[in-house]
Amino acid sequence: MSKQNIAQWEEKFSTPEYQFGTAPNAFLVREAGRLKPGADVLCIADGEGRNSTWLAEQGHHVHAVEAAANAIAKAQALTAERGVEVRHEQVDLEEWDWPVGAYDAVVGIFIQFTDPVGRARMFAQMAAALRPSGVLLLEGYGPGQLAYGTGGPKSLDHLYAVEELRSAFPTLTVELIDEYDVELDEGPRHRGMSSLVDLVAIAAV
């Protein structure tokens, strides 16, 4: 991620208000039963910590990575308030030396800051980070989001297409892929009717 983009996210996260709320993402809550008890979970581009904090509350061991220091500070405040522990680390995912075979689950919720080339590279790294039978949980905005304009990227090539996701993880087994419209209420930056794409994929045993 460019320094300019990181600076923009720093500014977005600089307010006291949690820009994406403090409640966990609905897709994550629905699918978290797929994780084994006490799983080692990587939450990427975790923002202000709503999802990593919730996973820690469920008893998982969570490593949350994020580029914006302001977001990490708010995430740390949230974990302290909830009385749970999360390992927070400031990283640029496009330059990070991703661990391989280190996690029981990788969670990516609205990680749509990169172009198709960078996204393909990141998807491959996400898959490689999983242990055997590891779970990938991915949610993002679909192409229909441009018409709604209620959050997310303004560029079509930063949005998820079902056809792209079906072929994006050749080493994993896709167990769920779904495209649908829903009313979101996840803080001021994710509010209103939205076009979403969900993916659940499993690493080989």
Protein backbone atom coordinates (compact mmCIF):
# COMPACT_ATOMS: atom_id res chain seq x y z
CA MET A 1 0.00 0.00 0.00
CA SER A 2 1.40 3.42 -0.90
CA LYS A 3 2.38 5.88 1.83
CA GLN A 4 -0.35 8.18 0.50
CA ASN A 5 -3.00 5.49 0.90
CA ILE A 6 -1.81 4.64 4.42
CA ALA A 7 -1.94 8.35 5.31
CA GLN A 8 -5.52 8.49 4.05
CA TRP A 9 -6.50 5.57 6.28
CA GLU A 10 -4.69 7.16 9.21
CA GLU A 11 -6.87 10.23 8.74
CA LYS A 12 -10.06 8.16 8.45
CA PHE A 13 -9.29 6.34 11.69
CA SER A 14 -8.22 9.47 13.59
CA THR A 15 -11.69 10.26 14.98
CA PRO A 16 -12.87 8.92 18.36
CA GLU A 17 -15.85 7.25 16.66
CA TYR A 18 -15.31 3.72 15.36
CA GLN A 19 -15.74 4.13 11.62
CA PHE A 20 -16.97 0.55 11.10
CA GLY A 21 -18.56 0.06 14.51
CA THR A 22 -17.49 -2.25 17.32
CA ALA A 23 -19.83 -5.17 16.59
CA PRO A 24 -18.41 -8.08 14.55
CA ASN A 25 -19.20 -8.53 10.88
CA ALA A 26 -22.38 -10.59 10.36
CA PHE A 27 -20.79 -12.99 7.85
CA LEU A 28 -17.95 -13.70 10.28
CA VAL A 29 -20.42 -14.45 13.07
CA ARG A 30 -22.41 -16.78 10.80
CA GLU A 31 -19.40 -18.76 9.66
CA ALA A 32 -17.16 -18.74 12.75
CA GLY A 33 -18.55 -22.12 13.84
CA ARG A 34 -16.28 -23.62 11.18
CA LEU A 35 -13.25 -22.72 13.33
CA LYS A 36 -11.95 -25.30 15.76
CA PRO A 37 -11.85 -24.29 19.45
CA GLY A 38 -8.85 -22.16 20.34
CA ALA A 39 -7.88 -21.67 16.70
CA ASP A 40 -4.89 -19.59 15.62
CA VAL A 41 -6.52 -16.90 13.47
CA LEU A 42 -5.00 -14.23 11.24
CA CYS A 43 -7.19 -11.15 10.72
CA ILE A 44 -5.81 -9.07 7.86
CA ALA A 45 -6.35 -5.32 7.40
CA ASP A 46 -8.25 -5.57 10.67
CA GLY A 47 -8.91 -1.86 11.08
CA GLU A 48 -10.26 -0.80 14.46
CA GLY A 49 -10.45 -4.35 15.76
CA ARG A 50 -14.13 -5.22 15.83
CA ASN A 51 -13.60 -8.65 14.27
CA SER A 52 -10.34 -9.65 15.96
CA THR A 53 -11.72 -8.62 19.34
CA TRP A 54 -14.86 -10.69 18.85
CA LEU A 55 -12.84 -13.74 17.78
CA ALA A 56 -10.68 -13.39 20.89
CA GLU A 57 -13.88 -13.27 22.95
CA GLN A 58 -14.79 -16.64 21.42
CA GLY A 59 -11.56 -18.12 22.78
CA HIS A 60 -9.39 -17.96 19.65
CA HIS A 61 -5.73 -16.88 19.50
CA VAL A 62 -5.80 -13.89 17.17
CA HIS A 63 -3.04 -12.15 15.22
CA ALA A 64 -4.42 -8.91 13.76
CA VAL A 65 -2.43 -6.98 11.16
CA GLU A 66 -3.19 -3.45 10.01
CA ALA A 67 -1.32 -0.64 8.25
CA ALA A 68 -2.78 2.37 10.10
CA ALA A 69 -1.40 3.12 13.56
CA ASN A 70 -4.53 5.10 14.49
CA ALA A 71 -6.67 2.04 13.80
CA ILE A 72 -4.42 -0.22 15.88
CA ALA A 73 -4.64 2.18 18.82
CA LYS A 74 -8.43 1.99 18.69
CA ALA A 75 -8.30 -1.81 18.33
CA GLN A 76 -6.08 -2.06 21.40
CA ALA A 77 -8.48 0.14 23.34
CA LEU A 78 -11.36 -2.13 22.33
CA THR A 79 -9.58 -5.31 23.41
CA ALA A 80 -8.68 -3.69 26.74
CA GLU A 81 -12.29 -2.66 27.25
CA ARG A 82 -13.50 -6.19 26.48
CA GLY A 83 -10.80 -7.85 28.61
CA VAL A 84 -9.30 -10.03 25.85
CA GLU A 85 -5.89 -10.36 24.23
CA VAL A 86 -5.08 -9.90 20.55
CA ARG A 87 -1.61 -9.75 19.03
CA HIS A 88 -1.66 -6.50 17.03
CA GLU A 89 1.01 -5.79 14.43
CA GLN A 90 1.44 -2.83 12.09
CA VAL A 91 2.22 -4.11 8.60
CA ASP A 92 1.79 -3.16 4.97
CA LEU A 93 0.28 -6.33 3.51
CA GLU A 94 1.80 -5.63 0.10
CA GLU A 95 5.31 -5.72 1.62
CA TRP A 96 4.80 -8.11 4.53
CA ASP A 97 6.69 -11.38 4.74
CA TRP A 98 3.59 -13.53 5.14
CA PRO A 99 3.89 -16.60 7.43
CA VAL A 100 3.37 -19.93 5.66
CA GLY A 101 1.28 -22.75 7.14
CA ALA A 102 0.90 -20.82 10.41
CA TYR A 103 -2.85 -20.38 10.94
CA ASP A 104 -6.01 -22.43 11.39
CA ALA A 105 -8.00 -19.61 9.82
CA VAL A 106 -7.46 -16.44 7.81
CA VAL A 107 -10.14 -13.75 7.94
CA GLY A 108 -10.39 -10.95 5.40
CA ILE A 109 -13.38 -8.61 5.75
CA PHE A 110 -13.60 -5.76 3.20
CA ILE A 111 -9.90 -5.85 2.26
CA GLN A 112 -10.43 -4.12 -1.08
CA PHE A 113 -7.60 -1.59 -1.21
CA THR A 114 -5.57 -3.16 -4.02
CA ASP A 115 -5.86 -3.72 -7.77
CA PRO A 116 -6.38 -7.12 -9.44
CA VAL A 117 -2.64 -7.87 -9.69
CA GLY A 118 -1.97 -7.07 -6.05
CA ARG A 119 -5.15 -8.85 -5.01
CA ALA A 120 -4.14 -12.07 -6.78
CA ARG A 121 -0.80 -12.00 -5.01
CA MET A 122 -2.46 -11.38 -1.66
CA PHE A 123 -5.01 -14.17 -2.21
CA ALA A 124 -2.16 -16.61 -2.89
CA GLN A 125 -0.43 -15.52 0.32
CA MET A 126 -3.65 -15.93 2.31
CA ALA A 127 -4.04 -19.49 1.06
CA ALA A 128 -0.40 -20.32 1.79
CA ALA A 129 -0.75 -19.02 5.35
CA LEU A 130 -3.28 -21.75 6.20
CA ARG A 131 -2.47 -25.02 7.91
CA PRO A 132 -4.00 -28.27 6.57
CA SER A 133 -7.80 -28.08 6.92
CA GLY A 134 -7.50 -24.35 7.61
CA VAL A 135 -10.44 -22.06 6.89
CA LEU A 136 -10.47 -18.94 4.75
CA LEU A 137 -13.32 -16.49 5.43
CA LEU A 138 -13.56 -13.64 2.92
CA GLU A 139 -16.22 -10.97 2.44
CA GLY A 140 -16.23 -7.90 0.25
CA TYR A 141 -18.32 -5.66 -1.92
CA GLY A 142 -19.49 -6.92 -5.30
CA PRO A 143 -19.87 -4.94 -8.55
CA GLY A 144 -23.40 -3.89 -7.63
CA GLN A 145 -21.97 -1.74 -4.86
CA LEU A 146 -21.10 1.01 -7.32
CA ALA A 147 -24.82 1.70 -7.79
CA TYR A 148 -25.48 1.82 -4.06
CA GLY A 149 -22.52 4.00 -3.10
CA THR A 150 -22.91 3.14 0.60
CA GLY A 151 -19.26 2.30 1.25
CA GLY A 152 -16.27 0.59 -0.24
CA PRO A 153 -14.14 1.27 -3.32
CA LYS A 154 -15.33 3.54 -6.12
CA SER A 155 -13.45 1.54 -8.75
CA LEU A 156 -14.87 -1.60 -10.36
CA ASP A 157 -11.51 -3.37 -10.44
CA HIS A 158 -11.31 -3.22 -6.62
CA LEU A 159 -14.62 -5.07 -6.18
CA TYR A 160 -15.15 -8.84 -5.99
CA ALA A 161 -16.71 -10.81 -8.82
CA VAL A 162 -18.01 -14.30 -8.09
CA GLU A 163 -16.26 -15.70 -11.16
CA GLU A 164 -12.94 -14.27 -9.99
CA LEU A 165 -13.24 -15.71 -6.50
CA ARG A 166 -14.19 -19.18 -7.79
CA SER A 167 -10.80 -19.45 -9.49
CA ALA A 168 -8.70 -17.33 -7.12
CA PHE A 169 -7.82 -20.12 -4.66
CA PRO A 170 -6.84 -23.21 -6.71
CA THR A 171 -5.21 -24.92 -3.71
CA LEU A 172 -8.37 -24.62 -1.58
CA THR A 173 -11.81 -26.19 -1.76
CA VAL A 174 -14.57 -23.58 -2.06
CA GLU A 175 -17.37 -24.59 0.28
CA LEU A 176 -19.50 -21.45 0.00
CA ILE A 177 -19.68 -18.57 -2.41
CA ASP A 178 -22.63 -16.21 -2.34
CA GLU A 179 -23.55 -12.86 -3.87
CA TYR A 180 -26.46 -10.90 -2.41
CA ASP A 181 -27.80 -7.50 -1.41
CA VAL A 182 -28.36 -6.61 2.24
CA GLU A 183 -28.88 -3.58 4.46
CA LEU A 184 -25.65 -2.94 6.40
CA ASP A 185 -25.28 -1.00 9.62
CA GLU A 186 -21.59 -1.31 10.49
CA GLY A 187 -20.60 2.16 11.57
CA PRO A 188 -20.81 5.38 9.53
CA ARG A 189 -18.70 4.03 6.65
CA HIS A 190 -20.74 0.85 6.07
CA ARG A 191 -24.38 1.86 6.30
CA GLY A 192 -27.23 1.26 3.86
CA MET A 193 -28.16 -1.21 1.15
CA SER A 194 -25.05 -3.00 -0.07
CA SER A 195 -23.94 -5.60 -2.61
CA LEU A 196 -21.81 -8.30 -0.96
CA VAL A 197 -19.85 -11.38 -1.96
CA ASP A 198 -18.97 -14.07 0.63
CA LEU A 199 -16.45 -16.88 0.28
CA VAL A 200 -15.59 -19.82 2.53
CA ALA A 201 -12.73 -22.07 1.37
CA ILE A 202 -10.87 -24.92 3.08
CA ALA A 203 -7.25 -26.04 2.77
CA ALA A 204 -6.51 -29.66 1.97
CA VAL A 205 -5.86 -32.08 4.84
